[in-house]
Amino acid sequence: MDSGDIDLYNGLVTVCEFILDNPATAQRDSSAVTTNVGIRLRYAVPGHAPYKVFWASEGPTIEAVFPYPT
């Protein structure tokens, strides 16, 4: 694993922890995407564009992580 992968991994973990620990603040800072199963929130991983964490406020739950254009 190169240092870029480690930085991305650490960024993803930080964002996921933030979402799970502070869902109201994370929801305020997220954008929304409408899917066939309802609204999912999208939170950018700082310093690692175009990676986004997709999550649902119910729970909250982390749904997916992948590169997504802005």
C-alpha atoms as a PDB file:
ATOM      1  CA  MET A   1       0.000   0.000   0.000  1.00  0.00           C
ATOM      2  CA  ASP A   2       1.506   3.342  -0.959  1.00  0.00           C
ATOM      3  CA  SER A   3       1.211   6.515   1.113  1.00  0.00           C
ATOM      4  CA  GLY A   4      -1.618   7.852  -1.091  1.00  0.00           C
ATOM      5  CA  ASP A   5      -3.678   4.761  -0.301  1.00  0.00           C
ATOM      6  CA  ILE A   6      -2.963   5.135   3.410  1.00  0.00           C
ATOM      7  CA  ASP A   7      -3.965   8.814   3.327  1.00  0.00           C
ATOM      8  CA  LEU A   8      -7.188   7.964   1.479  1.00  0.00           C
ATOM      9  CA  TYR A   9      -7.980   5.175   3.944  1.00  0.00           C
ATOM     10  CA  ASN A  10      -7.379   7.483   6.918  1.00  0.00           C
ATOM     11  CA  GLY A  11      -9.539  10.174   5.305  1.00  0.00           C
ATOM     12  CA  LEU A  12     -12.368   7.702   4.749  1.00  0.00           C
ATOM     13  CA  VAL A  13     -12.210   6.458   8.327  1.00  0.00           C
ATOM     14  CA  THR A  14     -12.223  10.033   9.633  1.00  0.00           C
ATOM     15  CA  VAL A  15     -15.276  10.960   7.541  1.00  0.00           C
ATOM     16  CA  CYS A  16     -17.169   7.795   8.501  1.00  0.00           C
ATOM     17  CA  GLU A  17     -16.447   8.354  12.200  1.00  0.00           C
ATOM     18  CA  PHE A  18     -17.547  11.985  11.889  1.00  0.00           C
ATOM     19  CA  ILE A  19     -20.822  10.996  10.196  1.00  0.00           C
ATOM     20  CA  LEU A  20     -21.606   8.320  12.776  1.00  0.00           C
ATOM     21  CA  ASP A  21     -20.651  10.521  15.752  1.00  0.00           C
ATOM     22  CA  ASN A  22     -22.219  13.790  14.484  1.00  0.00           C
ATOM     23  CA  PRO A  23     -25.070  12.935  12.105  1.00  0.00           C
ATOM     24  CA  ALA A  24     -26.882  16.281  12.435  1.00  0.00           C
ATOM     25  CA  THR A  25     -23.769  18.294  11.584  1.00  0.00           C
ATOM     26  CA  ALA A  26     -22.780  15.847   8.843  1.00  0.00           C
ATOM     27  CA  GLN A  27     -26.257  16.095   7.325  1.00  0.00           C
ATOM     28  CA  ARG A  28     -26.014  19.887   7.280  1.00  0.00           C
ATOM     29  CA  ASP A  29     -22.648  19.669   5.483  1.00  0.00           C
ATOM     30  CA  SER A  30     -23.710  16.951   3.008  1.00  0.00           C
ATOM     31  CA  SER A  31     -25.433  17.149  -0.330  1.00  0.00           C
ATOM     32  CA  ALA A  32     -28.384  14.893  -1.129  1.00  0.00           C
ATOM     33  CA  VAL A  33     -28.979  12.378  -3.891  1.00  0.00           C
ATOM     34  CA  THR A  34     -32.399  10.885  -4.597  1.00  0.00           C
ATOM     35  CA  THR A  35     -32.289   7.138  -5.288  1.00  0.00           C
ATOM     36  CA  ASN A  36     -34.922   4.467  -5.810  1.00  0.00           C
ATOM     37  CA  VAL A  37     -34.677   3.657  -2.073  1.00  0.00           C
ATOM     38  CA  GLY A  38     -34.947   7.264  -0.919  1.00  0.00           C
ATOM     39  CA  ILE A  39     -32.634  10.149  -0.202  1.00  0.00           C
ATOM     40  CA  ARG A  40     -28.986   9.368   0.429  1.00  0.00           C
ATOM     41  CA  LEU A  41     -26.510  11.925   1.653  1.00  0.00           C
ATOM     42  CA  ARG A  42     -23.118  12.518   0.053  1.00  0.00           C
ATOM     43  CA  TYR A  43     -20.108  13.742   2.042  1.00  0.00           C
ATOM     44  CA  ALA A  44     -16.824  14.563   0.300  1.00  0.00           C
ATOM     45  CA  VAL A  45     -13.571  13.134   1.642  1.00  0.00           C
ATOM     46  CA  PRO A  46     -11.376  16.226   2.213  1.00  0.00           C
ATOM     47  CA  GLY A  47      -8.210  16.200   0.121  1.00  0.00           C
ATOM     48  CA  HIS A  48      -9.291  13.133  -1.852  1.00  0.00           C
ATOM     49  CA  ALA A  49     -11.529  14.338  -4.650  1.00  0.00           C
ATOM     50  CA  PRO A  50     -13.542  12.754  -6.175  1.00  0.00           C
ATOM     51  CA  TYR A  51     -14.124  10.254  -3.300  1.00  0.00           C
ATOM     52  CA  LYS A  52     -17.448  10.577  -1.494  1.00  0.00           C
ATOM     53  CA  VAL A  53     -19.109   8.727   1.372  1.00  0.00           C
ATOM     54  CA  PHE A  54     -22.782   7.993   0.727  1.00  0.00           C
ATOM     55  CA  TRP A  55     -24.866   7.550   3.835  1.00  0.00           C
ATOM     56  CA  ALA A  56     -28.398   7.476   5.216  1.00  0.00           C
ATOM     57  CA  SER A  57     -29.560   9.530   8.174  1.00  0.00           C
ATOM     58  CA  GLU A  58     -31.591   6.586   9.472  1.00  0.00           C
ATOM     59  CA  GLY A  59     -29.279   4.992  11.966  1.00  0.00           C
ATOM     60  CA  PRO A  60     -27.105   6.673  10.620  1.00  0.00           C
ATOM     61  CA  THR A  61     -25.614   4.115   8.238  1.00  0.00           C
ATOM     62  CA  ILE A  62     -22.742   4.244   5.781  1.00  0.00           C
ATOM     63  CA  GLU A  63     -24.056   3.001   2.430  1.00  0.00           C
ATOM     64  CA  ALA A  64     -21.105   3.223   0.021  1.00  0.00           C
ATOM     65  CA  VAL A  65     -17.761   4.860  -0.722  1.00  0.00           C
ATOM     66  CA  PHE A  66     -16.525   5.493  -4.252  1.00  0.00           C
ATOM     67  CA  PRO A  67     -15.215   8.181  -6.606  1.00  0.00           C
ATOM     68  CA  TYR A  68     -18.123  10.375  -7.668  1.00  0.00           C
ATOM     69  CA  PRO A  69     -17.806  13.455  -9.859  1.00  0.00           C
ATOM     70  CA  THR A  70     -18.634  16.768  -8.269  1.00  0.00           C
END
